Every structure is written in structure tokens, then in C-alpha cells.
């Protein structure tokens, strides 16, 4: 829970999200930079059925909670010799209790396959019956726009690297260690 200048703490997962996702594994953590006070949220959720992720996919979930999607950009992140294909989303507040725009980097994993930018990729990979039975996972890194994109990407790389053993195990699926 201590990664460089970042101190993590587990965040409670709303019961409604657990009911929607039916996760095998869920990590919801907040990291605070003890030098700058910047905050980052890290979410990793793995579900038995890839379709369960659909309701928690950023363009669906955040919009359903009042956020306004302002930008979608395909991203590729090279982390520890592995390429992750994902999407960066920018959201602006849509209600009075949402005060700061968010930047969310998201990618999906299908065991025995690749990383995917969105649910279309997960759905295509899950058409393989064996892969569908292994489920899918989603990783999100959420920051405010107060961090620059370079800082956001550096934190994403740091958090994915710190959780690499779990991410690798999910990606390997039944053929893993």
C-alpha cells in the first residue's frame, strides 16, 4: 500500500456495484501522494462473466451517475515489457455534488487473450466459449484534471506495475501459474 510517494487505502465498494458486477476479485483503492496531496483511485475487478462488466464500463457507469463524457481517446501503454490497449476518458461534472472533472484510463483483460480498449473487444474475445468461461477483468485509474496527462500516465504505469502479479494471473487464466 506504499508505492513511492503514494500511500494507499482500501475503499469500500458500494453494495449495488457488487450486486451488478458479481466479482470474483475486486480491489478499490485510493492512493494519496504524501508530498503533493494528489489523489488517485485504482480499481481492478474480475468477473466470472465478461458481460457483467458492461454496466461498470466508464461510458455507461459514469454517465448513469450524472457525469458528462467530454472526450474519448484510444491509448496504448507499454508497462514492464507488456502492451496494454485501453481508452482514456474525460468527464466533466454533471451535478452540483461533482466538483472536479475526471480523467479515467481504462483497459479490459480477457484471460488467454489480450487487453482491450472497450467492451466491444471483450465481447468479441468472449465469443470463444472457453474464454467466456474464464470471465474478464477491468482496470481503471481515475484522477482529477489537476494532474497533467503525463502525471496521470506515470501514476497509471506505477499502479499497474505494482499490481502486475495479479494482472498477469488474471491475464493467464486457467493456464496461469
Foldseek 3Di string as FASTA:
>chain_A
DDFPQKDKDFDDDDPVLCVLQVFPDWTWMWIARPVPRFIKIKIKTWGQAQVSCVCVWVVRPVVVVQWAWDDKDWDWDQAPNAIATEIWIWTDGRDPVGDFIKIKTKWKAFAPDGIHHGSVVVVVVLVPVVRRSLTMMMIMMMGTVVDPVVRSSVVVNSVCNVCVVVVVDSNNGPVHD
